[in-house]
Amino acid sequence: MHPPLIIPVLVTTDLPPETDLAELGRHIADAVTVLNPSASPTCSGRLDGRAFWLDRPVLPPIESDRPAPIAEQLRFAVLLGVLTAAASPETSAKDVLATARAAIKAAIITAYGDLGSPPVVIEISAEDVRERTPDDAVPAVATDSPAPPTRMLAG
């Protein structure tokens, strides 16, 4: 048995404001359950992460001063988490991340359409995942996964 690759990730995308963040998390978590890195055998993946809106709107205190909502206005959604891949020893983290990036982009575009700029998927530090994930972020749960822990990467 080979040790799994563990890659802390940041996923960002613009989405309609009525988007369900649990659904977004499910799409992303489902996208990485099977990964096929180039020149390596297919491997299983798991994403333990949480989704949230980065741009919480600040509304004026008086309702009459608030602007009317714009239907086509998008919000900045973020998912921070850890991608674990059961890959063979010859598979690099770079290959797994590239494969995960393509799968996540395809899943978001399939679910929400092409909203202009493509989703971004990058590797970050585990410390950033721990420190920057808000307590009220929504868990990303794959369709066939057990419920995630209530607090990710405690420590």
N, C-alpha and C. Protein backbone atom coordinates (compact mmCIF):
# COMPACT_ATOMS: atom_id res chain seq x y z
N MET A 1 0.85 -1.18 0.00
CA MET A 1 0.00 0.00 0.00
C MET A 1 0.89 1.24 0.00
N HIS A 2 0.61 2.15 -0.90
CA HIS A 2 1.39 3.37 -1.02
C HIS A 2 0.72 4.48 -0.22
N PRO A 3 1.52 5.37 0.37
CA PRO A 3 0.90 6.49 1.09
C PRO A 3 0.17 7.39 0.09
N PRO A 4 -0.97 7.91 0.48
CA PRO A 4 -1.72 8.77 -0.44
C PRO A 4 -1.05 10.13 -0.62
N LEU A 5 -1.33 10.75 -1.75
CA LEU A 5 -0.91 12.12 -1.97
C LEU A 5 -1.93 13.02 -1.29
N ILE A 6 -1.47 14.02 -0.57
CA ILE A 6 -2.36 14.94 0.14
C ILE A 6 -2.05 16.35 -0.37
N ILE A 7 -3.06 16.96 -0.99
CA ILE A 7 -2.85 18.26 -1.64
C ILE A 7 -3.91 19.26 -1.14
N PRO A 8 -3.50 20.25 -0.34
CA PRO A 8 -4.45 21.30 0.05
C PRO A 8 -4.79 22.15 -1.18
N VAL A 9 -6.07 22.43 -1.38
CA VAL A 9 -6.49 23.14 -2.58
C VAL A 9 -7.42 24.31 -2.27
N LEU A 10 -7.40 25.26 -3.20
CA LEU A 10 -8.31 26.40 -3.23
C LEU A 10 -9.02 26.34 -4.57
N VAL A 11 -10.35 26.36 -4.53
CA VAL A 11 -11.15 26.40 -5.76
C VAL A 11 -11.97 27.68 -5.68
N THR A 12 -11.92 28.48 -6.74
CA THR A 12 -12.72 29.70 -6.79
C THR A 12 -13.46 29.77 -8.11
N THR A 13 -14.64 30.35 -8.06
CA THR A 13 -15.41 30.56 -9.28
C THR A 13 -16.48 31.61 -9.02
N ASP A 14 -16.94 32.24 -10.07
CA ASP A 14 -18.06 33.16 -9.99
C ASP A 14 -19.33 32.39 -10.28
N LEU A 15 -20.35 32.59 -9.45
CA LEU A 15 -21.61 31.87 -9.61
C LEU A 15 -22.79 32.80 -9.35
N PRO A 16 -23.96 32.42 -9.85
CA PRO A 16 -25.16 33.21 -9.54
C PRO A 16 -25.39 33.24 -8.02
N PRO A 17 -25.90 34.34 -7.50
CA PRO A 17 -26.06 34.48 -6.05
C PRO A 17 -27.02 33.48 -5.41
N GLU A 18 -27.90 32.88 -6.19
CA GLU A 18 -28.84 31.91 -5.63
C GLU A 18 -28.28 30.49 -5.59
N THR A 19 -27.03 30.31 -5.98
CA THR A 19 -26.40 28.99 -6.00
C THR A 19 -26.36 28.39 -4.60
N ASP A 20 -26.71 27.12 -4.51
CA ASP A 20 -26.64 26.37 -3.26
C ASP A 20 -25.19 25.91 -3.07
N LEU A 21 -24.54 26.38 -2.01
CA LEU A 21 -23.13 26.04 -1.79
C LEU A 21 -22.91 24.56 -1.50
N ALA A 22 -23.89 23.90 -0.89
CA ALA A 22 -23.77 22.45 -0.66
C ALA A 22 -23.75 21.72 -2.01
N GLU A 23 -24.55 22.19 -2.94
CA GLU A 23 -24.56 21.60 -4.28
C GLU A 23 -23.22 21.84 -4.99
N LEU A 24 -22.70 23.05 -4.89
CA LEU A 24 -21.38 23.34 -5.46
C LEU A 24 -20.33 22.39 -4.88
N GLY A 25 -20.31 22.25 -3.57
CA GLY A 25 -19.37 21.34 -2.92
C GLY A 25 -19.51 19.91 -3.39
N ARG A 26 -20.75 19.47 -3.57
CA ARG A 26 -21.00 18.11 -4.06
C ARG A 26 -20.46 17.94 -5.47
N HIS A 27 -20.68 18.91 -6.34
CA HIS A 27 -20.16 18.82 -7.71
C HIS A 27 -18.63 18.70 -7.71
N ILE A 28 -17.98 19.49 -6.88
CA ILE A 28 -16.52 19.47 -6.82
C ILE A 28 -16.03 18.16 -6.21
N ALA A 29 -16.64 17.73 -5.11
CA ALA A 29 -16.23 16.48 -4.47
C ALA A 29 -16.45 15.28 -5.39
N ASP A 30 -17.58 15.27 -6.11
CA ASP A 30 -17.84 14.18 -7.05
C ASP A 30 -16.82 14.17 -8.19
N ALA A 31 -16.40 15.34 -8.63
CA ALA A 31 -15.49 15.45 -9.78
C ALA A 31 -14.14 14.79 -9.51
N VAL A 32 -13.72 14.72 -8.26
CA VAL A 32 -12.38 14.20 -7.97
C VAL A 32 -12.38 12.78 -7.40
N THR A 33 -13.52 12.10 -7.42
CA THR A 33 -13.54 10.74 -6.86
C THR A 33 -12.76 9.75 -7.71
N VAL A 34 -12.68 9.98 -9.01
CA VAL A 34 -11.86 9.15 -9.90
C VAL A 34 -10.99 10.10 -10.72
N LEU A 35 -9.69 9.93 -10.60
CA LEU A 35 -8.74 10.79 -11.30
C LEU A 35 -7.89 9.94 -12.24
N ASN A 36 -7.58 10.49 -13.40
CA ASN A 36 -6.79 9.77 -14.40
C ASN A 36 -5.62 10.64 -14.83
N PRO A 37 -4.57 10.72 -13.97
CA PRO A 37 -3.42 11.55 -14.32
C PRO A 37 -2.74 11.06 -15.60
N SER A 38 -2.15 11.96 -16.33
CA SER A 38 -1.47 11.59 -17.58
C SER A 38 -0.33 10.62 -17.28
N ALA A 39 -0.20 9.61 -18.12
CA ALA A 39 0.88 8.62 -18.04
C ALA A 39 0.90 7.86 -16.71
N SER A 40 -0.21 7.84 -15.98
CA SER A 40 -0.30 7.12 -14.71
C SER A 40 -1.63 6.38 -14.67
N PRO A 41 -1.70 5.34 -13.86
CA PRO A 41 -2.97 4.63 -13.75
C PRO A 41 -4.04 5.49 -13.07
N THR A 42 -5.28 5.17 -13.34
CA THR A 42 -6.40 5.85 -12.69
C THR A 42 -6.30 5.65 -11.18
N CYS A 43 -6.64 6.67 -10.42
CA CYS A 43 -6.62 6.56 -8.96
C CYS A 43 -7.88 7.15 -8.37
N SER A 44 -8.16 6.75 -7.15
CA SER A 44 -9.33 7.32 -6.48
C SER A 44 -8.92 8.57 -5.73
N GLY A 45 -9.85 9.49 -5.61
CA GLY A 45 -9.60 10.74 -4.91
C GLY A 45 -10.72 11.04 -3.94
N ARG A 46 -10.41 11.86 -2.97
CA ARG A 46 -11.41 12.29 -1.99
C ARG A 46 -11.11 13.75 -1.65
N LEU A 47 -12.14 14.54 -1.60
CA LEU A 47 -11.99 15.94 -1.22
C LEU A 47 -12.70 16.17 0.10
N ASP A 48 -11.96 16.64 1.09
CA ASP A 48 -12.54 17.08 2.35
C ASP A 48 -12.42 18.59 2.36
N GLY A 49 -13.53 19.26 2.13
CA GLY A 49 -13.48 20.71 2.03
C GLY A 49 -14.78 21.37 2.44
N ARG A 50 -14.76 22.69 2.38
CA ARG A 50 -15.93 23.48 2.76
C ARG A 50 -16.03 24.67 1.81
N ALA A 51 -17.26 24.99 1.43
CA ALA A 51 -17.53 26.07 0.48
C ALA A 51 -18.16 27.27 1.20
N PHE A 52 -17.86 28.46 0.66
CA PHE A 52 -18.43 29.68 1.23
C PHE A 52 -18.37 30.79 0.20
N TRP A 53 -19.15 31.83 0.45
CA TRP A 53 -19.09 33.03 -0.38
C TRP A 53 -17.98 33.90 0.16
N LEU A 54 -17.10 34.37 -0.70
CA LEU A 54 -16.02 35.24 -0.25
C LEU A 54 -16.50 36.68 -0.12
N ASP A 55 -17.39 37.07 -1.00
CA ASP A 55 -17.81 38.47 -1.05
C ASP A 55 -19.16 38.67 -0.38
N ARG A 56 -19.18 38.56 0.91
CA ARG A 56 -20.45 38.78 1.61
C ARG A 56 -20.87 40.23 1.37
N PRO A 57 -22.03 40.40 0.77
CA PRO A 57 -22.45 41.77 0.47
C PRO A 57 -22.75 42.57 1.73
N VAL A 58 -22.32 43.81 1.71
CA VAL A 58 -22.63 44.72 2.81
C VAL A 58 -23.71 45.66 2.30
N LEU A 59 -24.89 45.53 2.85
CA LEU A 59 -26.02 46.33 2.41
C LEU A 59 -26.19 47.56 3.29
N PRO A 60 -26.67 48.64 2.71
CA PRO A 60 -26.97 49.82 3.53
C PRO A 60 -28.01 49.47 4.59
N PRO A 61 -27.93 50.11 5.76
CA PRO A 61 -28.85 49.77 6.86
C PRO A 61 -30.32 50.11 6.55
N ILE A 62 -30.54 51.08 5.70
CA ILE A 62 -31.92 51.48 5.38
C ILE A 62 -32.32 50.80 4.07
N GLU A 63 -33.40 50.03 4.13
CA GLU A 63 -33.80 49.23 2.97
C GLU A 63 -34.04 50.07 1.72
N SER A 64 -34.56 51.25 1.86
CA SER A 64 -34.84 52.09 0.70
C SER A 64 -33.56 52.56 0.00
N ASP A 65 -32.43 52.51 0.71
CA ASP A 65 -31.14 52.90 0.12
C ASP A 65 -30.44 51.75 -0.61
N ARG A 66 -30.99 50.54 -0.46
CA ARG A 66 -30.35 49.37 -1.06
C ARG A 66 -30.63 49.33 -2.56
N PRO A 67 -29.61 48.97 -3.34
CA PRO A 67 -29.83 48.86 -4.79
C PRO A 67 -30.70 47.64 -5.10
N ALA A 68 -31.42 47.74 -6.20
CA ALA A 68 -32.21 46.60 -6.65
C ALA A 68 -31.27 45.48 -7.07
N PRO A 69 -31.59 44.21 -6.75
CA PRO A 69 -30.71 43.12 -7.16
C PRO A 69 -30.63 43.01 -8.68
N ILE A 70 -29.46 42.68 -9.15
CA ILE A 70 -29.25 42.48 -10.59
C ILE A 70 -29.16 40.99 -10.82
N ALA A 71 -30.05 40.46 -11.64
CA ALA A 71 -30.15 39.03 -11.85
C ALA A 71 -28.86 38.41 -12.37
N GLU A 72 -28.17 39.11 -13.25
CA GLU A 72 -26.97 38.52 -13.84
C GLU A 72 -25.70 38.78 -13.02
N GLN A 73 -25.82 39.44 -11.88
CA GLN A 73 -24.66 39.71 -11.05
C GLN A 73 -24.18 38.41 -10.40
N LEU A 74 -22.88 38.14 -10.50
CA LEU A 74 -22.32 36.91 -9.96
C LEU A 74 -21.64 37.19 -8.63
N ARG A 75 -21.50 36.12 -7.83
CA ARG A 75 -20.78 36.21 -6.55
C ARG A 75 -19.58 35.29 -6.59
N PHE A 76 -18.61 35.57 -5.76
CA PHE A 76 -17.36 34.84 -5.73
C PHE A 76 -17.46 33.70 -4.72
N ALA A 77 -17.55 32.45 -5.22
CA ALA A 77 -17.62 31.27 -4.36
C ALA A 77 -16.22 30.67 -4.21
N VAL A 78 -15.95 30.16 -3.02
CA VAL A 78 -14.65 29.58 -2.71
C VAL A 78 -14.87 28.24 -2.03
N LEU A 79 -14.00 27.29 -2.36
CA LEU A 79 -13.95 26.03 -1.63
C LEU A 79 -12.50 25.82 -1.22
N LEU A 80 -12.29 25.63 0.08
CA LEU A 80 -10.97 25.30 0.61
C LEU A 80 -11.03 23.89 1.15
N GLY A 81 -10.00 23.10 0.86
CA GLY A 81 -10.02 21.74 1.35
C GLY A 81 -8.75 21.00 1.06
N VAL A 82 -8.81 19.69 1.31
CA VAL A 82 -7.68 18.82 1.11
C VAL A 82 -8.10 17.70 0.17
N LEU A 83 -7.36 17.56 -0.92
CA LEU A 83 -7.57 16.50 -1.89
C LEU A 83 -6.61 15.37 -1.53
N THR A 84 -7.15 14.19 -1.31
CA THR A 84 -6.34 13.00 -1.04
C THR A 84 -6.51 12.05 -2.20
N ALA A 85 -5.40 11.60 -2.77
CA ALA A 85 -5.45 10.70 -3.92
C ALA A 85 -4.65 9.43 -3.62
N ALA A 86 -5.28 8.30 -3.85
CA ALA A 86 -4.62 7.00 -3.68
C ALA A 86 -3.90 6.67 -4.98
N ALA A 87 -2.78 7.31 -5.21
CA ALA A 87 -2.06 7.19 -6.48
C ALA A 87 -0.86 6.25 -6.35
N SER A 88 -0.39 5.78 -7.48
CA SER A 88 0.79 4.92 -7.51
C SER A 88 2.03 5.77 -7.24
N PRO A 89 3.14 5.14 -6.88
CA PRO A 89 4.36 5.91 -6.55
C PRO A 89 4.88 6.76 -7.71
N GLU A 90 4.63 6.36 -8.94
CA GLU A 90 5.14 7.14 -10.08
C GLU A 90 4.25 8.35 -10.41
N THR A 91 3.13 8.47 -9.75
CA THR A 91 2.23 9.59 -9.99
C THR A 91 2.63 10.78 -9.12
N SER A 92 2.82 11.93 -9.73
CA SER A 92 3.23 13.11 -8.97
C SER A 92 2.01 13.91 -8.51
N ALA A 93 2.23 14.69 -7.47
CA ALA A 93 1.17 15.58 -6.98
C ALA A 93 0.78 16.57 -8.07
N LYS A 94 1.75 16.99 -8.87
CA LYS A 94 1.48 17.93 -9.96
C LYS A 94 0.51 17.32 -10.98
N ASP A 95 0.72 16.04 -11.32
CA ASP A 95 -0.18 15.36 -12.26
C ASP A 95 -1.58 15.20 -11.68
N VAL A 96 -1.65 14.82 -10.40
CA VAL A 96 -2.95 14.66 -9.75
C VAL A 96 -3.68 15.99 -9.71
N LEU A 97 -2.98 17.06 -9.36
CA LEU A 97 -3.61 18.38 -9.30
C LEU A 97 -4.09 18.83 -10.68
N ALA A 98 -3.30 18.59 -11.70
CA ALA A 98 -3.71 18.97 -13.07
C ALA A 98 -4.96 18.21 -13.48
N THR A 99 -5.03 16.93 -13.15
CA THR A 99 -6.20 16.12 -13.48
C THR A 99 -7.41 16.59 -12.68
N ALA A 100 -7.21 16.86 -11.39
CA ALA A 100 -8.30 17.36 -10.55
C ALA A 100 -8.80 18.71 -11.06
N ARG A 101 -7.87 19.57 -11.46
CA ARG A 101 -8.23 20.90 -11.99
C ARG A 101 -9.15 20.76 -13.20
N ALA A 102 -8.76 19.90 -14.14
CA ALA A 102 -9.58 19.70 -15.35
C ALA A 102 -10.95 19.13 -14.99
N ALA A 103 -10.99 18.18 -14.07
CA ALA A 103 -12.26 17.55 -13.68
C ALA A 103 -13.18 18.55 -12.97
N ILE A 104 -12.61 19.37 -12.09
CA ILE A 104 -13.41 20.37 -11.36
C ILE A 104 -13.94 21.43 -12.31
N LYS A 105 -13.09 21.92 -13.21
CA LYS A 105 -13.54 22.91 -14.18
C LYS A 105 -14.69 22.36 -15.02
N ALA A 106 -14.54 21.14 -15.50
CA ALA A 106 -15.59 20.53 -16.32
C ALA A 106 -16.88 20.37 -15.52
N ALA A 107 -16.78 19.97 -14.26
CA ALA A 107 -17.97 19.77 -13.43
C ALA A 107 -18.70 21.09 -13.18
N ILE A 108 -17.95 22.15 -12.90
CA ILE A 108 -18.59 23.45 -12.64
C ILE A 108 -19.23 24.00 -13.91
N ILE A 109 -18.54 23.88 -15.03
CA ILE A 109 -19.11 24.38 -16.29
C ILE A 109 -20.34 23.57 -16.68
N THR A 110 -20.30 22.25 -16.46
CA THR A 110 -21.47 21.40 -16.75
C THR A 110 -22.65 21.78 -15.87
N ALA A 111 -22.39 22.03 -14.59
CA ALA A 111 -23.47 22.33 -13.65
C ALA A 111 -24.03 23.74 -13.80
N TYR A 112 -23.17 24.72 -14.08
CA TYR A 112 -23.60 26.11 -14.04
C TYR A 112 -23.45 26.85 -15.36
N GLY A 113 -22.89 26.20 -16.35
CA GLY A 113 -22.67 26.85 -17.64
C GLY A 113 -21.39 27.65 -17.63
N ASP A 114 -21.07 28.19 -18.79
CA ASP A 114 -19.86 29.00 -18.93
C ASP A 114 -20.23 30.43 -18.52
N LEU A 115 -19.77 30.83 -17.35
CA LEU A 115 -20.15 32.14 -16.82
C LEU A 115 -19.08 33.21 -17.06
N GLY A 116 -18.20 32.95 -18.00
CA GLY A 116 -17.18 33.94 -18.31
C GLY A 116 -15.80 33.41 -18.01
N SER A 117 -15.28 33.71 -16.83
CA SER A 117 -13.95 33.22 -16.50
C SER A 117 -14.05 31.81 -15.93
N PRO A 118 -13.09 30.94 -16.27
CA PRO A 118 -13.15 29.56 -15.79
C PRO A 118 -12.82 29.48 -14.30
N PRO A 119 -13.27 28.43 -13.64
CA PRO A 119 -12.90 28.23 -12.24
C PRO A 119 -11.39 28.11 -12.09
N VAL A 120 -10.88 28.49 -10.94
CA VAL A 120 -9.46 28.39 -10.64
C VAL A 120 -9.28 27.31 -9.58
N VAL A 121 -8.30 26.43 -9.79
CA VAL A 121 -7.97 25.37 -8.83
C VAL A 121 -6.47 25.41 -8.62
N ILE A 122 -6.04 25.75 -7.40
CA ILE A 122 -4.61 25.84 -7.12
C ILE A 122 -4.28 25.15 -5.80
N GLU A 123 -3.01 24.76 -5.69
CA GLU A 123 -2.52 24.18 -4.44
C GLU A 123 -2.17 25.33 -3.50
N ILE A 124 -2.53 25.15 -2.24
CA ILE A 124 -2.20 26.14 -1.21
C ILE A 124 -1.60 25.39 -0.02
N SER A 125 -1.38 26.06 1.07
CA SER A 125 -0.83 25.39 2.25
C SER A 125 -1.96 24.86 3.14
N ALA A 126 -1.67 23.80 3.86
CA ALA A 126 -2.64 23.24 4.80
C ALA A 126 -2.99 24.28 5.87
N GLU A 127 -2.02 25.09 6.23
CA GLU A 127 -2.25 26.15 7.22
C GLU A 127 -3.29 27.15 6.70
N ASP A 128 -3.21 27.51 5.42
CA ASP A 128 -4.21 28.41 4.84
C ASP A 128 -5.60 27.79 4.88
N VAL A 129 -5.69 26.50 4.60
CA VAL A 129 -6.99 25.83 4.66
C VAL A 129 -7.54 25.92 6.07
N ARG A 130 -6.71 25.61 7.06
CA ARG A 130 -7.16 25.65 8.47
C ARG A 130 -7.57 27.06 8.89
N GLU A 131 -6.73 28.03 8.57
CA GLU A 131 -6.94 29.39 9.08
C GLU A 131 -7.98 30.20 8.32
N ARG A 132 -8.18 29.90 7.05
CA ARG A 132 -9.03 30.76 6.22
C ARG A 132 -10.42 30.18 5.94
N THR A 133 -10.69 28.97 6.42
CA THR A 133 -12.03 28.41 6.22
C THR A 133 -12.93 28.91 7.34
N PRO A 134 -13.96 29.66 7.00
CA PRO A 134 -14.86 30.16 8.05
C PRO A 134 -15.62 29.02 8.73
N ASP A 135 -15.95 29.22 9.99
CA ASP A 135 -16.69 28.21 10.74
C ASP A 135 -18.04 27.88 10.12
N ASP A 136 -18.65 28.86 9.45
CA ASP A 136 -19.98 28.64 8.88
C ASP A 136 -19.94 28.15 7.42
N ALA A 137 -18.74 27.78 6.92
CA ALA A 137 -18.65 27.26 5.56
C ALA A 137 -19.39 25.93 5.46
N VAL A 138 -19.88 25.64 4.26
CA VAL A 138 -20.73 24.47 4.01
C VAL A 138 -19.86 23.29 3.58
N PRO A 139 -19.99 22.13 4.25
CA PRO A 139 -19.17 20.97 3.88
C PRO A 139 -19.42 20.52 2.44
N ALA A 140 -18.35 20.11 1.79
CA ALA A 140 -18.43 19.53 0.44
C ALA A 140 -18.49 18.02 0.61
N VAL A 141 -19.59 17.43 0.21
CA VAL A 141 -19.79 16.00 0.40
C VAL A 141 -20.08 15.35 -0.94
N ALA A 142 -19.26 14.36 -1.30
CA ALA A 142 -19.49 13.62 -2.55
C ALA A 142 -20.80 12.84 -2.43
N THR A 143 -21.41 12.57 -3.55
CA THR A 143 -22.70 11.88 -3.57
C THR A 143 -22.68 10.58 -2.79
N ASP A 144 -21.62 9.80 -2.91
CA ASP A 144 -21.57 8.49 -2.25
C ASP A 144 -20.65 8.48 -1.04
N SER A 145 -20.46 9.61 -0.38
CA SER A 145 -19.57 9.69 0.77
C SER A 145 -20.34 9.80 2.07
N PRO A 146 -19.72 9.33 3.16
CA PRO A 146 -20.32 9.58 4.46
C PRO A 146 -20.19 11.06 4.80
N ALA A 147 -20.96 11.52 5.75
CA ALA A 147 -20.91 12.93 6.14
C ALA A 147 -19.51 13.29 6.62
N PRO A 148 -19.03 14.49 6.28
CA PRO A 148 -17.69 14.92 6.70
C PRO A 148 -17.70 15.30 8.18
N PRO A 149 -16.50 15.42 8.78
CA PRO A 149 -16.44 15.87 10.16
C PRO A 149 -16.96 17.31 10.26
N THR A 150 -17.39 17.69 11.46
CA THR A 150 -17.97 19.01 11.64
C THR A 150 -16.92 20.11 11.50
N ARG A 151 -15.68 19.83 11.85
CA ARG A 151 -14.61 20.84 11.72
C ARG A 151 -13.43 20.20 11.03
N MET A 152 -13.03 20.77 9.92
CA MET A 152 -11.97 20.22 9.11
C MET A 152 -10.60 20.68 9.61
N LEU A 153 -9.65 19.77 9.62
CA LEU A 153 -8.27 20.07 9.95
C LEU A 153 -8.11 20.81 11.27
N ALA A 154 -8.76 20.31 12.30
CA ALA A 154 -8.64 20.94 13.60
C ALA A 154 -7.21 20.81 14.10
N GLY A 155 -6.76 21.83 14.77
CA GLY A 155 -5.39 21.70 15.30
C GLY A 155 -4.72 22.95 15.54
